[in-house]
Amino acid sequence: MIYKEYPIRAEGSAEDARMTTYLISYSEAMKIQKRPLIIICPGGGYRYVSEREGEMIAFQWNALGYHAVVLKYSVNPALYPTALLELAEVMKMVKEHSAEWYVDTERILVEGSSAGGHLAASYGMFWKKPFLSEKIGIASEELRPAGMILHYPVITSGEYAHRDSFHMLLGEKYEELKEEMSLENQVNKDVPPTFIWHTNEDKSVPAENSLLLALAMRRHNVPVELHLYAKGGHGLALADERTMCADGSGTEKECTSWVALADMWMREVVFR
C-alpha cells in the first residue's frame, strides 16, 4: 500500500487542501499490473469535508482491486471554481505519476457524495471547458474521467435544491451562477457514463436531484445507471457499521449493495 498525502494548490486553495493516496502495491507475482483508480470527493455541503465518506470508501475499493485517492478539497470561504480546479489538479497529478503508481490512465473515475457528488458531477460536465485546461496547464483530453459514481448527489438549484450547498459554493455570486451550477442543465455529449444511487427517504437532498440528472442524461444518450433505494437517510457512505455516525445513525442494510452494483457497472459498462 502506498499511503501518502500530497498538498493540492489551485487558485484560492485552503492551506489544508490535499490528496491522500490509497494505492495497491505493485507485485511481479500478480498478473494485474496497471489498475483503475477512483478519485473520491467526500460530502459536507461545501462547509467541511466528511471523514466518513473518504478513507473507508477508499479501503473498500482497494479490497476490490482498485487504486483510490481521497481529495480534501477547499470549502467555504473558498468559492467556485476552487474545488473544481483542485479536482483537475488531482487528475493531472495522477496522470503524471501513472507509471510510478501503476495506474491505468484510461480507467480513472471521479466519485462523490452529496456536495462532493456535485463537485464530481461538475467535473464530469466541465472537464472539456477551456478555462480548466488553461488553469491546470494540461490538454483537455487529459482531464477526461472514464466515469462518475455519485452518492445521493446535490445536483439542482431549482425546486428540489439543497440551497445551503449552493450558497456555500457560490457566495455573493449565488444569483449570478446558480443556474449554471444546476447540473441537470449542463449535461452534454461529453459527459462520461455515470452510476448514481439515492434513497427515497432522503430529507436533506431529495431524490429528485438524482432523478433530474438521470433524465437529462437519457435525453443526451449518456449511459446512466440509477438505483433508488426505498429506505435510508442522507449521508449513508458505506451504509453499514464501518461508517456509522457517532450517534448510531447512518446505516441501512439494503443500501450496502451499492458497492457491488457499482463494481459490476464499472466492469460491465465502463471497462468493457
C-alpha atoms as a PDB file:
ATOM      1  CA  MET A   1       0.000   0.000   0.000  1.00  0.00           C
ATOM      2  CA  ILE A   2       1.261   3.453  -0.937  1.00  0.00           C
ATOM      3  CA  TYR A   3      -0.309   5.810   1.597  1.00  0.00           C
ATOM      4  CA  LYS A   4       0.848   9.373   1.226  1.00  0.00           C
ATOM      5  CA  GLU A   5      -0.536  12.913   1.478  1.00  0.00           C
ATOM      6  CA  TYR A   6       0.134  15.495  -1.216  1.00  0.00           C
ATOM      7  CA  PRO A   7      -0.778  19.173  -0.919  1.00  0.00           C
ATOM      8  CA  ILE A   8      -3.101  20.393  -3.657  1.00  0.00           C
ATOM      9  CA  ARG A   9      -2.845  24.008  -4.726  1.00  0.00           C
ATOM     10  CA  ALA A  10      -5.107  25.941  -7.070  1.00  0.00           C
ATOM     11  CA  GLU A  11      -6.321  29.500  -7.207  1.00  0.00           C
ATOM     12  CA  GLY A  12      -7.963  30.170  -3.817  1.00  0.00           C
ATOM     13  CA  SER A  13      -6.993  26.861  -2.169  1.00  0.00           C
ATOM     14  CA  ALA A  14      -7.088  26.465   1.600  1.00  0.00           C
ATOM     15  CA  GLU A  15      -3.856  25.536   3.356  1.00  0.00           C
ATOM     16  CA  ASP A  16      -5.134  22.045   4.232  1.00  0.00           C
ATOM     17  CA  ALA A  17      -6.317  21.090   0.733  1.00  0.00           C
ATOM     18  CA  ARG A  18      -4.682  17.767  -0.043  1.00  0.00           C
ATOM     19  CA  MET A  19      -4.862  14.433  -1.821  1.00  0.00           C
ATOM     20  CA  THR A  20      -4.306  11.205   0.109  1.00  0.00           C
ATOM     21  CA  THR A  21      -3.348   8.105  -1.863  1.00  0.00           C
ATOM     22  CA  TYR A  22      -4.515   4.557  -1.169  1.00  0.00           C
ATOM     23  CA  LEU A  23      -2.598   2.684  -3.851  1.00  0.00           C
ATOM     24  CA  ILE A  24      -2.264  -1.074  -4.086  1.00  0.00           C
ATOM     25  CA  SER A  25       1.403  -2.055  -4.158  1.00  0.00           C
ATOM     26  CA  TYR A  26       2.777  -3.433  -7.400  1.00  0.00           C
ATOM     27  CA  SER A  27       3.901  -7.050  -7.346  1.00  0.00           C
ATOM     28  CA  GLU A  28       5.550  -9.079 -10.066  1.00  0.00           C
ATOM     29  CA  ALA A  29       3.760 -12.092  -8.611  1.00  0.00           C
ATOM     30  CA  MET A  30       0.349 -10.748  -9.674  1.00  0.00           C
ATOM     31  CA  LYS A  31      -0.974 -10.783 -13.223  1.00  0.00           C
ATOM     32  CA  ILE A  32      -2.636  -7.389 -12.831  1.00  0.00           C
ATOM     33  CA  GLN A  33      -0.152  -4.568 -13.171  1.00  0.00           C
ATOM     34  CA  LYS A  34      -1.894  -1.309 -14.019  1.00  0.00           C
ATOM     35  CA  ARG A  35      -5.123  -0.797 -12.064  1.00  0.00           C
ATOM     36  CA  PRO A  36      -8.136   1.511 -12.381  1.00  0.00           C
ATOM     37  CA  LEU A  37      -8.183   4.451  -9.962  1.00  0.00           C
ATOM     38  CA  ILE A  38     -11.096   6.219  -8.291  1.00  0.00           C
ATOM     39  CA  ILE A  39     -10.821   9.851  -7.132  1.00  0.00           C
ATOM     40  CA  ILE A  40     -13.105  10.254  -4.094  1.00  0.00           C
ATOM     41  CA  CYS A  41     -14.721  13.587  -3.161  1.00  0.00           C
ATOM     42  CA  PRO A  42     -16.468  13.329   0.241  1.00  0.00           C
ATOM     43  CA  GLY A  43     -19.530  15.406   1.071  1.00  0.00           C
ATOM     44  CA  GLY A  44     -20.078  18.152   3.622  1.00  0.00           C
ATOM     45  CA  GLY A  45     -22.261  20.801   1.989  1.00  0.00           C
ATOM     46  CA  TYR A  46     -19.202  22.779   0.846  1.00  0.00           C
ATOM     47  CA  ARG A  47     -18.840  23.671   4.577  1.00  0.00           C
ATOM     48  CA  TYR A  48     -16.472  20.819   5.523  1.00  0.00           C
ATOM     49  CA  VAL A  49     -15.179  17.550   4.069  1.00  0.00           C
ATOM     50  CA  SER A  50     -16.725  14.452   5.629  1.00  0.00           C
ATOM     51  CA  GLU A  51     -14.283  11.886   7.031  1.00  0.00           C
ATOM     52  CA  ARG A  52     -16.993   9.202   6.869  1.00  0.00           C
ATOM     53  CA  GLU A  53     -17.173   9.415   3.081  1.00  0.00           C
ATOM     54  CA  GLY A  54     -13.455   9.240   2.345  1.00  0.00           C
ATOM     55  CA  GLU A  55     -10.972   6.749   3.734  1.00  0.00           C
ATOM     56  CA  MET A  56     -13.351   3.867   4.461  1.00  0.00           C
ATOM     57  CA  ILE A  57     -14.723   4.021   0.927  1.00  0.00           C
ATOM     58  CA  ALA A  58     -11.152   4.057  -0.388  1.00  0.00           C
ATOM     59  CA  PHE A  59     -10.384   0.888   1.593  1.00  0.00           C
ATOM     60  CA  GLN A  60     -13.483  -0.756   0.133  1.00  0.00           C
ATOM     61  CA  TRP A  61     -12.268  -0.050  -3.411  1.00  0.00           C
ATOM     62  CA  ASN A  62      -8.801  -1.353  -2.511  1.00  0.00           C
ATOM     63  CA  ALA A  63     -10.367  -4.616  -1.381  1.00  0.00           C
ATOM     64  CA  LEU A  64     -11.982  -4.934  -4.821  1.00  0.00           C
ATOM     65  CA  GLY A  65      -8.731  -4.299  -6.658  1.00  0.00           C
ATOM     66  CA  TYR A  66      -8.905  -0.566  -7.379  1.00  0.00           C
ATOM     67  CA  HIS A  67      -6.499   2.199  -6.530  1.00  0.00           C
ATOM     68  CA  ALA A  68      -8.127   5.144  -4.756  1.00  0.00           C
ATOM     69  CA  VAL A  69      -7.279   8.687  -3.751  1.00  0.00           C
ATOM     70  CA  VAL A  70      -9.280  10.984  -1.484  1.00  0.00           C
ATOM     71  CA  LEU A  71      -9.412  14.706  -2.160  1.00  0.00           C
ATOM     72  CA  LYS A  72      -9.818  17.040   0.785  1.00  0.00           C
ATOM     73  CA  TYR A  73     -10.929  19.988  -1.318  1.00  0.00           C
ATOM     74  CA  SER A  74     -11.276  23.618  -0.229  1.00  0.00           C
ATOM     75  CA  VAL A  75     -14.656  24.684   1.131  1.00  0.00           C
ATOM     76  CA  ASN A  76     -16.238  27.999   2.108  1.00  0.00           C
ATOM     77  CA  PRO A  77     -14.816  30.656   2.353  1.00  0.00           C
ATOM     78  CA  ALA A  78     -13.136  29.269  -0.771  1.00  0.00           C
ATOM     79  CA  LEU A  79     -15.659  29.601  -3.589  1.00  0.00           C
ATOM     80  CA  TYR A  80     -16.287  28.185  -7.059  1.00  0.00           C
ATOM     81  CA  PRO A  81     -14.255  27.220  -9.051  1.00  0.00           C
ATOM     82  CA  THR A  82     -11.526  26.486  -6.468  1.00  0.00           C
ATOM     83  CA  ALA A  83     -12.630  22.927  -5.592  1.00  0.00           C
ATOM     84  CA  LEU A  84     -13.168  22.122  -9.274  1.00  0.00           C
ATOM     85  CA  LEU A  85      -9.651  23.311 -10.095  1.00  0.00           C
ATOM     86  CA  GLU A  86      -8.301  21.173  -7.244  1.00  0.00           C
ATOM     87  CA  LEU A  87     -10.030  18.105  -8.641  1.00  0.00           C
ATOM     88  CA  ALA A  88      -8.495  18.826 -12.038  1.00  0.00           C
ATOM     89  CA  GLU A  89      -5.092  19.157 -10.335  1.00  0.00           C
ATOM     90  CA  VAL A  90      -5.584  15.713  -8.806  1.00  0.00           C
ATOM     91  CA  MET A  91      -6.354  14.239 -12.218  1.00  0.00           C
ATOM     92  CA  LYS A  92      -3.198  15.883 -13.583  1.00  0.00           C
ATOM     93  CA  MET A  93      -1.098  14.552 -10.686  1.00  0.00           C
ATOM     94  CA  VAL A  94      -2.438  11.022 -11.086  1.00  0.00           C
ATOM     95  CA  LYS A  95      -1.640  11.108 -14.804  1.00  0.00           C
ATOM     96  CA  GLU A  96       1.875  12.421 -14.105  1.00  0.00           C
ATOM     97  CA  HIS A  97       2.549   9.603 -11.611  1.00  0.00           C
ATOM     98  CA  SER A  98       0.703   6.888 -13.540  1.00  0.00           C
ATOM     99  CA  ALA A  99       3.803   4.869 -14.442  1.00  0.00           C
ATOM    100  CA  GLU A 100       5.200   5.010 -10.898  1.00  0.00           C
ATOM    101  CA  TRP A 101       1.822   4.159  -9.344  1.00  0.00           C
ATOM    102  CA  TYR A 102       0.787   1.554 -11.957  1.00  0.00           C
ATOM    103  CA  VAL A 103      -2.425   3.383 -12.853  1.00  0.00           C
ATOM    104  CA  ASP A 104      -4.463   2.516 -15.934  1.00  0.00           C
ATOM    105  CA  THR A 105      -4.904   6.049 -17.268  1.00  0.00           C
ATOM    106  CA  GLU A 106      -7.898   5.025 -19.403  1.00  0.00           C
ATOM    107  CA  ARG A 107      -9.772   3.922 -16.269  1.00  0.00           C
ATOM    108  CA  ILE A 108      -9.757   6.874 -13.875  1.00  0.00           C
ATOM    109  CA  LEU A 109     -13.151   7.717 -12.398  1.00  0.00           C
ATOM    110  CA  VAL A 110     -14.436  10.506 -10.167  1.00  0.00           C
ATOM    111  CA  GLU A 111     -16.709   9.706  -7.232  1.00  0.00           C
ATOM    112  CA  GLY A 112     -18.570  11.976  -4.844  1.00  0.00           C
ATOM    113  CA  SER A 113     -21.086  12.022  -2.014  1.00  0.00           C
ATOM    114  CA  SER A 114     -23.694  14.760  -1.515  1.00  0.00           C
ATOM    115  CA  ALA A 115     -21.922  18.098  -2.173  1.00  0.00           C
ATOM    116  CA  GLY A 116     -18.887  16.042  -3.154  1.00  0.00           C
ATOM    117  CA  GLY A 117     -21.219  14.453  -5.685  1.00  0.00           C
ATOM    118  CA  HIS A 118     -21.919  17.928  -7.006  1.00  0.00           C
ATOM    119  CA  LEU A 119     -18.173  18.517  -7.285  1.00  0.00           C
ATOM    120  CA  ALA A 120     -17.570  15.199  -9.072  1.00  0.00           C
ATOM    121  CA  ALA A 121     -20.549  15.779 -11.386  1.00  0.00           C
ATOM    122  CA  SER A 122     -19.390  19.350 -12.106  1.00  0.00           C
ATOM    123  CA  TYR A 123     -16.068  17.887 -13.189  1.00  0.00           C
ATOM    124  CA  GLY A 124     -17.878  15.361 -15.374  1.00  0.00           C
ATOM    125  CA  MET A 125     -19.807  18.193 -17.047  1.00  0.00           C
ATOM    126  CA  PHE A 126     -16.995  20.755 -17.319  1.00  0.00           C
ATOM    127  CA  TRP A 127     -13.794  18.765 -17.901  1.00  0.00           C
ATOM    128  CA  LYS A 128     -13.636  19.969 -21.503  1.00  0.00           C
ATOM    129  CA  LYS A 129     -14.112  23.671 -20.668  1.00  0.00           C
ATOM    130  CA  PRO A 130     -11.111  25.699 -21.897  1.00  0.00           C
ATOM    131  CA  PHE A 131     -10.710  27.516 -18.568  1.00  0.00           C
ATOM    132  CA  LEU A 132      -9.883  24.245 -16.802  1.00  0.00           C
ATOM    133  CA  SER A 133      -7.124  23.161 -19.169  1.00  0.00           C
ATOM    134  CA  GLU A 134      -5.737  26.705 -19.261  1.00  0.00           C
ATOM    135  CA  LYS A 135      -5.617  26.984 -15.462  1.00  0.00           C
ATOM    136  CA  ILE A 136      -4.193  23.496 -14.951  1.00  0.00           C
ATOM    137  CA  GLY A 137      -1.760  23.592 -17.853  1.00  0.00           C
ATOM    138  CA  ILE A 138      -2.746  20.307 -19.439  1.00  0.00           C
ATOM    139  CA  ALA A 139      -4.651  19.325 -22.595  1.00  0.00           C
ATOM    140  CA  SER A 140      -8.407  18.993 -22.104  1.00  0.00           C
ATOM    141  CA  GLU A 141      -8.415  15.362 -23.215  1.00  0.00           C
ATOM    142  CA  GLU A 142      -6.031  14.516 -20.369  1.00  0.00           C
ATOM    143  CA  LEU A 143      -8.657  15.745 -17.889  1.00  0.00           C
ATOM    144  CA  ARG A 144     -11.413  13.428 -19.118  1.00  0.00           C
ATOM    145  CA  PRO A 145     -12.740  10.969 -16.500  1.00  0.00           C
ATOM    146  CA  ALA A 146     -13.740   7.475 -17.600  1.00  0.00           C
ATOM    147  CA  GLY A 147     -16.893   7.585 -15.468  1.00  0.00           C
ATOM    148  CA  MET A 148     -18.663   9.020 -12.436  1.00  0.00           C
ATOM    149  CA  ILE A 149     -20.019   7.386  -9.282  1.00  0.00           C
ATOM    150  CA  LEU A 150     -22.431   9.679  -7.440  1.00  0.00           C
ATOM    151  CA  HIS A 151     -23.864   9.014  -3.984  1.00  0.00           C
ATOM    152  CA  TYR A 152     -27.040  10.979  -3.135  1.00  0.00           C
ATOM    153  CA  PRO A 153     -25.599  13.963  -5.045  1.00  0.00           C
ATOM    154  CA  VAL A 154     -26.516  17.632  -4.815  1.00  0.00           C
ATOM    155  CA  ILE A 155     -27.463  18.468  -8.404  1.00  0.00           C
ATOM    156  CA  THR A 156     -30.215  21.042  -8.862  1.00  0.00           C
ATOM    157  CA  SER A 157     -30.504  24.647  -7.685  1.00  0.00           C
ATOM    158  CA  GLY A 158     -34.216  24.608  -8.557  1.00  0.00           C
ATOM    159  CA  GLU A 159     -37.259  23.366  -6.674  1.00  0.00           C
ATOM    160  CA  TYR A 160     -35.500  20.426  -5.001  1.00  0.00           C
ATOM    161  CA  ALA A 161     -32.253  22.207  -4.169  1.00  0.00           C
ATOM    162  CA  HIS A 162     -30.107  21.799  -1.110  1.00  0.00           C
ATOM    163  CA  ARG A 163     -29.715  25.571  -1.154  1.00  0.00           C
ATOM    164  CA  ASP A 164     -27.124  25.823   1.580  1.00  0.00           C
ATOM    165  CA  SER A 165     -24.641  23.886  -0.575  1.00  0.00           C
ATOM    166  CA  PHE A 166     -25.074  26.374  -3.411  1.00  0.00           C
ATOM    167  CA  HIS A 167     -24.748  29.372  -1.089  1.00  0.00           C
ATOM    168  CA  MET A 168     -21.556  27.921   0.408  1.00  0.00           C
ATOM    169  CA  LEU A 169     -20.163  27.189  -3.070  1.00  0.00           C
ATOM    170  CA  LEU A 170     -21.082  30.462  -4.768  1.00  0.00           C
ATOM    171  CA  GLY A 171     -21.134  33.084  -2.013  1.00  0.00           C
ATOM    172  CA  GLU A 172     -22.028  36.521  -3.360  1.00  0.00           C
ATOM    173  CA  LYS A 173     -22.270  35.076  -6.883  1.00  0.00           C
ATOM    174  CA  TYR A 174     -25.184  32.816  -5.916  1.00  0.00           C
ATOM    175  CA  GLU A 175     -27.776  34.613  -8.045  1.00  0.00           C
ATOM    176  CA  GLU A 176     -25.358  35.003 -10.940  1.00  0.00           C
ATOM    177  CA  LEU A 177     -24.203  31.374 -11.089  1.00  0.00           C
ATOM    178  CA  LYS A 178     -26.964  29.255  -9.545  1.00  0.00           C
ATOM    179  CA  GLU A 179     -28.464  28.302 -12.919  1.00  0.00           C
ATOM    180  CA  GLU A 180     -25.067  27.447 -14.391  1.00  0.00           C
ATOM    181  CA  MET A 181     -24.289  25.219 -11.410  1.00  0.00           C
ATOM    182  CA  SER A 182     -27.648  23.442 -11.601  1.00  0.00           C
ATOM    183  CA  LEU A 183     -26.107  20.419 -13.252  1.00  0.00           C
ATOM    184  CA  GLU A 184     -29.181  18.832 -14.814  1.00  0.00           C
ATOM    185  CA  ASN A 185     -28.901  21.769 -17.248  1.00  0.00           C
ATOM    186  CA  GLN A 186     -25.247  21.089 -18.068  1.00  0.00           C
ATOM    187  CA  VAL A 187     -25.387  17.532 -19.398  1.00  0.00           C
ATOM    188  CA  ASN A 188     -23.748  17.182 -22.804  1.00  0.00           C
ATOM    189  CA  LYS A 189     -22.427  14.504 -25.145  1.00  0.00           C
ATOM    190  CA  ASP A 190     -19.002  14.569 -23.480  1.00  0.00           C
ATOM    191  CA  VAL A 191     -20.296  13.552 -20.032  1.00  0.00           C
ATOM    192  CA  PRO A 192     -18.906  10.098 -19.132  1.00  0.00           C
ATOM    193  CA  PRO A 193     -21.001   7.060 -18.118  1.00  0.00           C
ATOM    194  CA  THR A 194     -22.499   7.583 -14.687  1.00  0.00           C
ATOM    195  CA  PHE A 195     -23.631   5.434 -11.750  1.00  0.00           C
ATOM    196  CA  ILE A 196     -25.989   7.099  -9.250  1.00  0.00           C
ATOM    197  CA  TRP A 197     -27.626   5.937  -6.050  1.00  0.00           C
ATOM    198  CA  HIS A 198     -30.006   7.747  -3.746  1.00  0.00           C
ATOM    199  CA  THR A 199     -32.701   6.964  -1.171  1.00  0.00           C
ATOM    200  CA  ASN A 200     -36.389   7.782  -1.332  1.00  0.00           C
ATOM    201  CA  GLU A 201     -36.345   8.885   2.320  1.00  0.00           C
ATOM    202  CA  ASP A 202     -33.531  11.435   1.923  1.00  0.00           C
ATOM    203  CA  LYS A 203     -34.829  14.602   3.586  1.00  0.00           C
ATOM    204  CA  SER A 204     -31.676  16.699   3.106  1.00  0.00           C
ATOM    205  CA  VAL A 205     -31.032  16.226  -0.602  1.00  0.00           C
ATOM    206  CA  PRO A 206     -34.258  14.980  -2.203  1.00  0.00           C
ATOM    207  CA  ALA A 207     -34.021  12.064  -4.607  1.00  0.00           C
ATOM    208  CA  GLU A 208     -35.323  14.355  -7.348  1.00  0.00           C
ATOM    209  CA  ASN A 209     -31.734  15.609  -7.643  1.00  0.00           C
ATOM    210  CA  SER A 210     -30.643  12.225  -8.973  1.00  0.00           C
ATOM    211  CA  LEU A 211     -33.824  11.715 -10.987  1.00  0.00           C
ATOM    212  CA  LEU A 212     -33.414  15.043 -12.782  1.00  0.00           C
ATOM    213  CA  LEU A 213     -29.809  14.219 -13.623  1.00  0.00           C
ATOM    214  CA  ALA A 214     -30.654  10.728 -14.876  1.00  0.00           C
ATOM    215  CA  LEU A 215     -33.454  12.086 -17.090  1.00  0.00           C
ATOM    216  CA  ALA A 216     -31.131  14.713 -18.561  1.00  0.00           C
ATOM    217  CA  MET A 217     -28.544  12.025 -19.284  1.00  0.00           C
ATOM    218  CA  ARG A 218     -31.133   9.891 -21.040  1.00  0.00           C
ATOM    219  CA  ARG A 219     -32.059  12.845 -23.241  1.00  0.00           C
ATOM    220  CA  HIS A 220     -28.397  13.216 -24.237  1.00  0.00           C
ATOM    221  CA  ASN A 221     -27.768   9.475 -24.654  1.00  0.00           C
ATOM    222  CA  VAL A 222     -25.250   9.412 -21.811  1.00  0.00           C
ATOM    223  CA  PRO A 223     -25.079   5.903 -20.284  1.00  0.00           C
ATOM    224  CA  VAL A 224     -26.547   6.110 -16.786  1.00  0.00           C
ATOM    225  CA  GLU A 225     -27.440   3.589 -14.088  1.00  0.00           C
ATOM    226  CA  LEU A 226     -29.653   4.815 -11.235  1.00  0.00           C
ATOM    227  CA  HIS A 227     -30.569   2.938  -8.044  1.00  0.00           C
ATOM    228  CA  LEU A 228     -33.271   4.491  -5.866  1.00  0.00           C
ATOM    229  CA  TYR A 229     -33.491   2.668  -2.548  1.00  0.00           C
ATOM    230  CA  ALA A 230     -36.763   2.710  -0.618  1.00  0.00           C
ATOM    231  CA  LYS A 231     -35.242   3.333   2.805  1.00  0.00           C
ATOM    232  CA  GLY A 232     -32.343   5.293   4.247  1.00  0.00           C
ATOM    233  CA  GLY A 233     -31.496   8.842   5.199  1.00  0.00           C
ATOM    234  CA  HIS A 234     -28.848  11.176   3.814  1.00  0.00           C
ATOM    235  CA  GLY A 235     -25.100  10.655   4.075  1.00  0.00           C
ATOM    236  CA  LEU A 236     -25.017   6.866   4.347  1.00  0.00           C
ATOM    237  CA  ALA A 237     -21.477   6.364   2.960  1.00  0.00           C
ATOM    238  CA  LEU A 238     -20.999   2.546   3.061  1.00  0.00           C
ATOM    239  CA  ALA A 239     -24.383   2.314   4.858  1.00  0.00           C
ATOM    240  CA  ASP A 240     -23.133  -0.166   7.459  1.00  0.00           C
ATOM    241  CA  GLU A 241     -21.363  -0.148  10.837  1.00  0.00           C
ATOM    242  CA  ARG A 242     -17.998   0.747   9.312  1.00  0.00           C
ATOM    243  CA  THR A 243     -19.184   4.300   8.564  1.00  0.00           C
ATOM    244  CA  MET A 244     -21.905   4.612  11.199  1.00  0.00           C
ATOM    245  CA  CYS A 245     -22.365   8.120  12.613  1.00  0.00           C
ATOM    246  CA  ALA A 246     -21.242   8.863  16.168  1.00  0.00           C
ATOM    247  CA  ASP A 247     -24.902   8.973  17.274  1.00  0.00           C
ATOM    248  CA  GLY A 248     -25.565   5.496  15.864  1.00  0.00           C
ATOM    249  CA  SER A 249     -27.385   6.640  12.726  1.00  0.00           C
ATOM    250  CA  GLY A 250     -26.202   6.297   9.147  1.00  0.00           C
ATOM    251  CA  THR A 251     -26.792   2.622   8.398  1.00  0.00           C
ATOM    252  CA  GLU A 252     -29.309   0.910   6.107  1.00  0.00           C
ATOM    253  CA  LYS A 253     -28.764  -2.741   5.251  1.00  0.00           C
ATOM    254  CA  GLU A 254     -30.497  -2.564   1.867  1.00  0.00           C
ATOM    255  CA  CYS A 255     -28.219   0.256   0.687  1.00  0.00           C
ATOM    256  CA  THR A 256     -24.980  -1.650   1.312  1.00  0.00           C
ATOM    257  CA  SER A 257     -25.463  -3.291  -2.084  1.00  0.00           C
ATOM    258  CA  TRP A 258     -24.376  -0.101  -3.878  1.00  0.00           C
ATOM    259  CA  VAL A 259     -20.708  -1.123  -3.717  1.00  0.00           C
ATOM    260  CA  ALA A 260     -21.233  -4.437  -5.508  1.00  0.00           C
ATOM    261  CA  LEU A 261     -23.562  -2.800  -8.018  1.00  0.00           C
ATOM    262  CA  ALA A 262     -21.065  -0.028  -8.800  1.00  0.00           C
ATOM    263  CA  ASP A 263     -18.251  -2.581  -9.122  1.00  0.00           C
ATOM    264  CA  MET A 264     -20.317  -4.614 -11.598  1.00  0.00           C
ATOM    265  CA  TRP A 265     -21.262  -1.437 -13.508  1.00  0.00           C
ATOM    266  CA  MET A 266     -17.618  -0.433 -13.884  1.00  0.00           C
ATOM    267  CA  ARG A 267     -16.588  -3.847 -15.139  1.00  0.00           C
ATOM    268  CA  GLU A 268     -19.565  -4.272 -17.495  1.00  0.00           C
ATOM    269  CA  VAL A 269     -20.101  -0.710 -18.750  1.00  0.00           C
ATOM    270  CA  VAL A 270     -17.030   1.483 -18.227  1.00  0.00           C
ATOM    271  CA  PHE A 271     -14.234  -1.050 -18.740  1.00  0.00           C
ATOM    272  CA  ARG A 272     -15.716  -3.287 -21.419  1.00  0.00           C
END
